[in-house]
Amino acid sequence: MANLRDIRRRIKSVKNTRQITRAMQLVSSSKMKRAQDAAVAGRPYALLLADLLDTVGEKLGLSGARISHPFFDKREVKTRGILILSTDKGLCGPLNTNLFRKVSEDVKGDARFITVGRKATQFVSRSKRDLMADFTISDKAHFTELRPMLKLLIDAYLSGEIDTIEVAYPSFVNVLVQEPVIQSLLPIIDLREVLEQLKKRVAGEEDLLAARSDRREMEFEPSAEAVLAKLPDLYVKVIIHQLLLESRAAEYCARMVAMKAATDNASSLVDDLTLDYNKARQAAITQEILEIAAAASSN
């Protein structure tokens, strides 16, 4: 058994660590609430934009396969384009590990990567994959911060450098569950199917927004074709922004849970060490009493 001084030092060290993890838990809890609010607030807009694209196509008598836009053109997939949304820091449990395992298992063959977050950049570099670019986005994740990354990604798709745009991110399910997902954005093969998947993935509530058949007559300015030409590009940008907000909410939930578990483990360890300390102290006192009694009996 360790001596009393060593046990006291260890108790002090664990208590200091507990204070740090407790503070990180409270900070993550505060950021988690803001991130959740931002993610939830953006869901109706993202779904409405997808539904608007579907409605405009319906008014023109077009399906996704017939809309004249590069995003709807089916092409041979030679090089996949993967956007990975990860965290800049660790201490968030298995969030990044699960995401990178998903990428390793599902992305085979030629692929080029764009990363958001230092952990994703390190993963792509260590695994010697083709890294096109890496970006750092602040915690607030304003849409303006994403514009350089979105321009690079869309230009690479239009130029033929990549044949798909897919987003790998930790999907926010609830506070305790964050599911790694690789969502395909381009090309858009079936617009209705994309809308249904988006409802399930982003909305979480089937009745939040339903694709509907609008019987009203509509006029488009300057023209229906001009409106339809701009919507797919805006749709992709908004969806990527929404997925980034979802990944931020998942990050802070995972970090809060991890730090709470660390704090609880530290408290449990302090209790065990305190018990060991009391046992060692009692043993030392008992030993001293026996020595005194032995000395008195010898006299």
Protein backbone atom coordinates (compact mmCIF):
# COMPACT_ATOMS: atom_id res chain seq x y z
CA MET A 1 0.00 0.00 0.00
CA ALA A 2 1.30 3.46 -0.90
CA ASN A 3 2.33 5.73 1.93
CA LEU A 4 0.08 8.55 3.14
CA ARG A 5 1.99 11.31 1.34
CA ASP A 6 1.66 9.60 -2.05
CA ILE A 7 -2.06 9.04 -1.54
CA ARG A 8 -2.59 12.69 -0.54
CA ARG A 9 -0.73 13.87 -3.62
CA ARG A 10 -2.80 11.63 -5.88
CA ILE A 11 -6.07 12.79 -4.30
CA LYS A 12 -5.06 16.41 -4.90
CA SER A 13 -4.11 15.65 -8.51
CA VAL A 14 -7.40 13.89 -9.24
CA LYS A 15 -9.39 16.72 -7.65
CA ASN A 16 -7.60 19.26 -9.86
CA THR A 17 -8.38 17.15 -12.92
CA ARG A 18 -12.02 16.92 -11.83
CA GLN A 19 -12.24 20.70 -11.63
CA ILE A 20 -10.96 20.98 -15.21
CA THR A 21 -13.34 18.35 -16.61
CA ARG A 22 -16.24 19.89 -14.71
CA ALA A 23 -15.48 23.32 -16.18
CA MET A 24 -15.22 21.81 -19.68
CA GLN A 25 -18.54 20.04 -19.14
CA LEU A 26 -20.26 23.32 -18.24
CA VAL A 27 -18.73 25.15 -21.21
CA SER A 28 -19.73 22.35 -23.60
CA SER A 29 -23.24 22.33 -22.14
CA SER A 30 -23.60 26.06 -22.85
CA LYS A 31 -22.24 25.74 -26.39
CA MET A 32 -24.36 22.66 -26.99
CA LYS A 33 -27.57 24.62 -26.31
CA ARG A 34 -26.58 27.34 -28.79
CA ALA A 35 -25.50 24.78 -31.40
CA GLN A 36 -28.75 22.82 -31.02
CA ASP A 37 -30.81 25.99 -31.38
CA ALA A 38 -28.90 26.96 -34.54
CA ALA A 39 -29.28 23.48 -36.05
CA VAL A 40 -32.99 23.27 -35.26
CA ALA A 41 -33.61 26.81 -36.54
CA GLY A 42 -31.99 25.99 -39.90
CA ARG A 43 -33.92 22.78 -40.54
CA PRO A 44 -37.20 24.29 -41.81
CA TYR A 45 -35.31 26.58 -44.22
CA ALA A 46 -33.23 23.75 -45.65
CA LEU A 47 -36.31 21.56 -46.08
CA LEU A 48 -38.37 24.39 -47.56
CA LEU A 49 -35.63 25.11 -50.12
CA ALA A 50 -35.55 21.44 -51.18
CA ASP A 51 -39.35 21.43 -51.41
CA LEU A 52 -39.27 24.67 -53.42
CA LEU A 53 -36.86 23.12 -55.91
CA ASP A 54 -39.23 20.16 -56.25
CA THR A 55 -42.25 22.45 -56.63
CA VAL A 56 -40.63 24.59 -59.34
CA GLY A 57 -39.66 21.46 -61.24
CA GLU A 58 -43.22 20.20 -60.92
CA LYS A 59 -44.67 23.47 -62.23
CA LEU A 60 -42.41 23.20 -65.25
CA GLY A 61 -43.52 19.62 -65.81
CA LEU A 62 -39.99 18.35 -65.15
CA SER A 63 -38.58 15.53 -63.09
CA GLY A 64 -35.08 15.52 -61.62
CA ALA A 65 -33.82 13.46 -64.53
CA ARG A 66 -35.14 16.01 -67.07
CA ILE A 67 -34.05 19.27 -65.41
CA SER A 68 -31.34 20.83 -67.53
CA HIS A 69 -28.65 21.50 -64.94
CA PRO A 70 -25.17 19.97 -64.37
CA PHE A 71 -26.19 18.89 -60.86
CA PHE A 72 -28.84 16.56 -62.36
CA ASP A 73 -26.59 15.00 -65.00
CA LYS A 74 -25.72 11.41 -64.19
CA ARG A 75 -22.07 10.71 -64.93
CA GLU A 76 -19.62 7.87 -64.59
CA VAL A 77 -18.08 7.99 -61.13
CA LYS A 78 -14.31 7.91 -61.50
CA THR A 79 -13.29 10.08 -58.55
CA ARG A 80 -15.53 10.64 -55.54
CA GLY A 81 -15.50 14.00 -53.79
CA ILE A 82 -15.79 13.66 -50.01
CA LEU A 83 -16.29 16.58 -47.62
CA ILE A 84 -15.46 15.53 -44.04
CA LEU A 85 -16.87 17.61 -41.17
CA SER A 86 -14.94 16.92 -37.98
CA THR A 87 -13.86 18.75 -34.83
CA ASP A 88 -10.81 20.93 -34.27
CA LYS A 89 -10.22 19.55 -30.77
CA GLY A 90 -10.42 16.18 -29.09
CA LEU A 91 -11.95 15.20 -25.74
CA CYS A 92 -15.30 14.41 -27.38
CA GLY A 93 -15.41 10.66 -26.90
CA PRO A 94 -15.50 8.36 -29.94
CA LEU A 95 -17.13 10.99 -32.19
CA ASN A 96 -14.22 11.45 -34.61
CA THR A 97 -13.08 7.83 -34.37
CA ASN A 98 -16.48 6.54 -35.43
CA LEU A 99 -16.66 9.04 -38.29
CA PHE A 100 -13.22 8.13 -39.63
CA ARG A 101 -13.99 4.43 -39.35
CA LYS A 102 -17.12 5.02 -41.41
CA VAL A 103 -15.08 6.83 -44.07
CA SER A 104 -12.44 4.08 -44.13
CA GLU A 105 -15.07 1.35 -44.54
CA ASP A 106 -17.31 3.07 -47.10
CA VAL A 107 -14.92 5.08 -49.26
CA LYS A 108 -12.98 2.73 -51.51
CA GLY A 109 -11.24 3.49 -54.78
CA ASP A 110 -10.30 6.93 -56.07
CA ALA A 111 -11.52 9.82 -53.94
CA ARG A 112 -10.49 13.38 -53.18
CA PHE A 113 -11.12 14.96 -49.82
CA ILE A 114 -11.92 18.41 -48.49
CA THR A 115 -11.82 18.67 -44.71
CA VAL A 116 -13.35 21.00 -42.14
CA GLY A 117 -11.64 20.56 -38.77
CA ARG A 118 -8.07 19.71 -37.80
CA LYS A 119 -8.91 16.14 -36.78
CA ALA A 120 -10.16 15.33 -40.28
CA THR A 121 -7.09 16.93 -41.83
CA GLN A 122 -4.83 14.81 -39.63
CA PHE A 123 -6.80 11.66 -40.52
CA VAL A 124 -6.58 12.26 -44.28
CA SER A 125 -2.86 13.11 -44.06
CA ARG A 126 -1.99 10.09 -41.90
CA SER A 127 -3.91 7.72 -44.16
CA LYS A 128 -2.18 9.21 -47.23
CA ARG A 129 -5.44 10.05 -48.99
CA ASP A 130 -5.76 12.79 -51.60
CA LEU A 131 -6.41 16.05 -49.73
CA MET A 132 -7.65 18.87 -51.94
CA ALA A 133 -7.92 21.51 -49.23
CA ASP A 134 -8.61 21.96 -45.54
CA PHE A 135 -10.62 24.67 -43.83
CA THR A 136 -11.17 25.89 -40.28
CA ILE A 137 -14.65 27.15 -39.41
CA SER A 138 -15.48 28.97 -36.18
CA ASP A 139 -17.91 27.64 -33.60
CA LYS A 140 -20.69 29.94 -34.85
CA ALA A 141 -20.30 28.54 -38.41
CA HIS A 142 -21.67 31.56 -40.26
CA PHE A 143 -22.65 30.94 -43.86
CA THR A 144 -20.12 33.53 -45.07
CA GLU A 145 -17.28 31.45 -43.63
CA LEU A 146 -18.25 28.53 -45.86
CA ARG A 147 -18.22 30.42 -49.16
CA PRO A 148 -14.57 29.71 -50.14
CA MET A 149 -14.98 26.02 -49.32
CA LEU A 150 -18.31 25.77 -51.15
CA LYS A 151 -16.91 27.52 -54.23
CA LEU A 152 -13.93 25.17 -54.35
CA LEU A 153 -16.13 22.11 -53.93
CA ILE A 154 -18.72 23.10 -56.55
CA ASP A 155 -16.09 24.29 -59.05
CA ALA A 156 -14.28 20.94 -58.70
CA TYR A 157 -17.53 19.13 -59.45
CA LEU A 158 -18.41 21.29 -62.46
CA SER A 159 -14.89 21.00 -63.89
CA GLY A 160 -14.93 17.21 -63.60
CA GLU A 161 -12.16 16.90 -60.99
CA ILE A 162 -14.65 15.00 -58.86
CA ASP A 163 -17.78 13.16 -59.98
CA THR A 164 -19.76 13.25 -56.73
CA ILE A 165 -20.16 15.50 -53.73
CA GLU A 166 -20.66 13.55 -50.53
CA VAL A 167 -20.62 14.82 -46.96
CA ALA A 168 -19.27 12.71 -44.09
CA TYR A 169 -20.37 14.11 -40.76
CA PRO A 170 -21.55 13.09 -37.27
CA SER A 171 -25.33 13.35 -37.39
CA PHE A 172 -27.00 14.77 -34.28
CA VAL A 173 -29.65 12.27 -33.14
CA ASN A 174 -29.93 13.25 -29.49
CA VAL A 175 -27.65 14.23 -26.62
CA LEU A 176 -26.39 10.67 -26.13
CA VAL A 177 -26.36 9.46 -29.74
CA GLN A 178 -24.33 10.87 -32.64
CA GLU A 179 -24.41 8.73 -35.76
CA PRO A 180 -21.67 8.93 -38.43
CA VAL A 181 -23.24 9.44 -41.85
CA ILE A 182 -22.01 9.82 -45.43
CA GLN A 183 -24.72 11.71 -47.31
CA SER A 184 -24.62 12.00 -51.10
CA LEU A 185 -25.57 15.44 -52.46
CA LEU A 186 -24.52 15.41 -56.11
CA PRO A 187 -25.48 14.32 -58.62
CA ILE A 188 -29.20 14.58 -57.88
CA ILE A 189 -30.76 11.54 -59.53
CA ASP A 190 -34.22 11.50 -57.93
CA LEU A 191 -35.28 14.79 -56.39
CA ARG A 192 -38.25 13.33 -54.53
CA GLU A 193 -36.10 10.62 -53.00
CA VAL A 194 -33.53 13.24 -51.94
CA LEU A 195 -36.29 15.25 -50.29
CA GLU A 196 -37.58 12.23 -48.37
CA GLN A 197 -34.07 11.32 -47.20
CA LEU A 198 -33.51 14.90 -46.13
CA LYS A 199 -36.71 14.88 -44.10
CA LYS A 200 -35.64 11.72 -42.30
CA ARG A 201 -32.02 12.80 -41.80
CA VAL A 202 -32.41 16.47 -40.93
CA ALA A 203 -35.97 16.98 -39.80
CA GLY A 204 -36.40 14.04 -37.47
CA GLU A 205 -40.16 14.65 -37.65
CA GLU A 206 -42.12 13.31 -40.60
CA ASP A 207 -44.77 16.01 -40.41
CA LEU A 208 -42.37 18.97 -40.17
CA LEU A 209 -42.64 19.57 -43.91
CA ALA A 210 -44.25 17.36 -46.52
CA ALA A 211 -43.62 17.58 -50.24
CA ARG A 212 -46.87 18.82 -51.60
CA SER A 213 -48.57 19.29 -54.91
CA ASP A 214 -49.31 23.02 -55.15
CA ARG A 215 -52.28 23.61 -57.46
CA ARG A 216 -51.91 27.39 -57.57
CA GLU A 217 -50.82 29.05 -60.77
CA MET A 218 -47.39 30.65 -60.48
CA GLU A 219 -45.47 33.20 -62.48
CA PHE A 220 -41.68 33.27 -62.31
CA GLU A 221 -39.54 36.37 -62.74
CA PRO A 222 -37.45 36.83 -64.79
CA SER A 223 -38.39 33.32 -66.01
CA ALA A 224 -39.01 29.86 -64.64
CA GLU A 225 -35.83 28.57 -66.28
CA ALA A 226 -33.76 31.35 -64.68
CA VAL A 227 -35.17 30.57 -61.24
CA LEU A 228 -34.60 26.88 -61.70
CA ALA A 229 -31.02 27.49 -62.86
CA LYS A 230 -30.15 29.19 -59.55
CA LEU A 231 -32.00 26.92 -57.10
CA PRO A 232 -29.83 23.76 -57.30
CA ASP A 233 -26.64 25.69 -56.51
CA LEU A 234 -28.29 27.42 -53.54
CA TYR A 235 -29.80 24.12 -52.42
CA VAL A 236 -26.39 22.39 -52.21
CA LYS A 237 -24.84 25.30 -50.31
CA VAL A 238 -27.68 25.52 -47.79
CA ILE A 239 -27.72 21.77 -47.17
CA ILE A 240 -23.96 21.67 -46.54
CA HIS A 241 -24.31 24.59 -44.12
CA GLN A 242 -27.14 22.79 -42.34
CA LEU A 243 -25.10 19.59 -42.05
CA LEU A 244 -22.23 21.61 -40.56
CA LEU A 245 -24.61 23.02 -37.94
CA GLU A 246 -25.78 19.48 -37.19
CA SER A 247 -22.17 18.31 -36.78
CA ARG A 248 -21.45 21.20 -34.39
CA ALA A 249 -24.42 20.20 -32.23
CA ALA A 250 -23.21 16.58 -32.25
CA GLU A 251 -19.70 17.70 -31.27
CA TYR A 252 -20.75 19.64 -28.19
CA CYS A 253 -23.16 16.92 -27.09
CA ALA A 254 -20.40 14.33 -27.36
CA ARG A 255 -17.92 16.56 -25.52
CA MET A 256 -20.37 17.33 -22.72
CA VAL A 257 -21.13 13.62 -22.23
CA ALA A 258 -17.43 12.72 -22.31
CA MET A 259 -16.52 15.40 -19.78
CA LYS A 260 -19.41 14.41 -17.50
CA ALA A 261 -18.20 10.80 -17.59
CA ALA A 262 -14.66 11.98 -16.80
CA THR A 263 -15.93 14.10 -13.90
CA ASP A 264 -17.94 11.20 -12.48
CA ASN A 265 -14.97 8.86 -12.82
CA ALA A 266 -12.73 11.38 -11.05
CA SER A 267 -15.22 11.66 -8.18
CA SER A 268 -15.34 7.88 -7.89
CA LEU A 269 -11.55 7.70 -7.91
CA VAL A 270 -11.33 10.37 -5.18
CA ASP A 271 -13.71 8.35 -3.01
CA ASP A 272 -11.63 5.19 -3.51
CA LEU A 273 -8.38 7.02 -2.76
CA THR A 274 -9.91 8.65 0.32
CA LEU A 275 -10.92 5.20 1.58
CA ASP A 276 -7.40 3.89 0.96
CA TYR A 277 -5.98 6.94 2.74
CA ASN A 278 -8.18 6.36 5.80
CA LYS A 279 -7.25 2.68 5.87
CA ALA A 280 -3.55 3.49 5.64
CA ARG A 281 -3.86 6.16 8.34
CA GLN A 282 -5.75 3.79 10.63
CA ALA A 283 -3.14 1.09 10.05
CA ALA A 284 -0.36 3.54 10.89
CA ILE A 285 -2.10 4.62 14.11
CA THR A 286 -2.72 0.99 15.09
CA GLN A 287 0.92 0.17 14.47
CA GLU A 288 2.04 3.09 16.65
CA ILE A 289 -0.29 1.95 19.47
CA LEU A 290 1.08 -1.59 19.29
CA GLU A 291 4.63 -0.28 19.43
CA ILE A 292 3.82 1.87 22.48
CA ALA A 293 2.10 -1.04 24.19
CA ALA A 294 5.00 -3.34 23.43
CA ALA A 295 7.47 -0.82 24.82
CA ALA A 296 5.39 -0.36 28.01
CA SER A 297 5.05 -4.11 28.58
CA SER A 298 8.80 -4.63 28.19
CA ASN A 299 9.43 -2.15 31.00
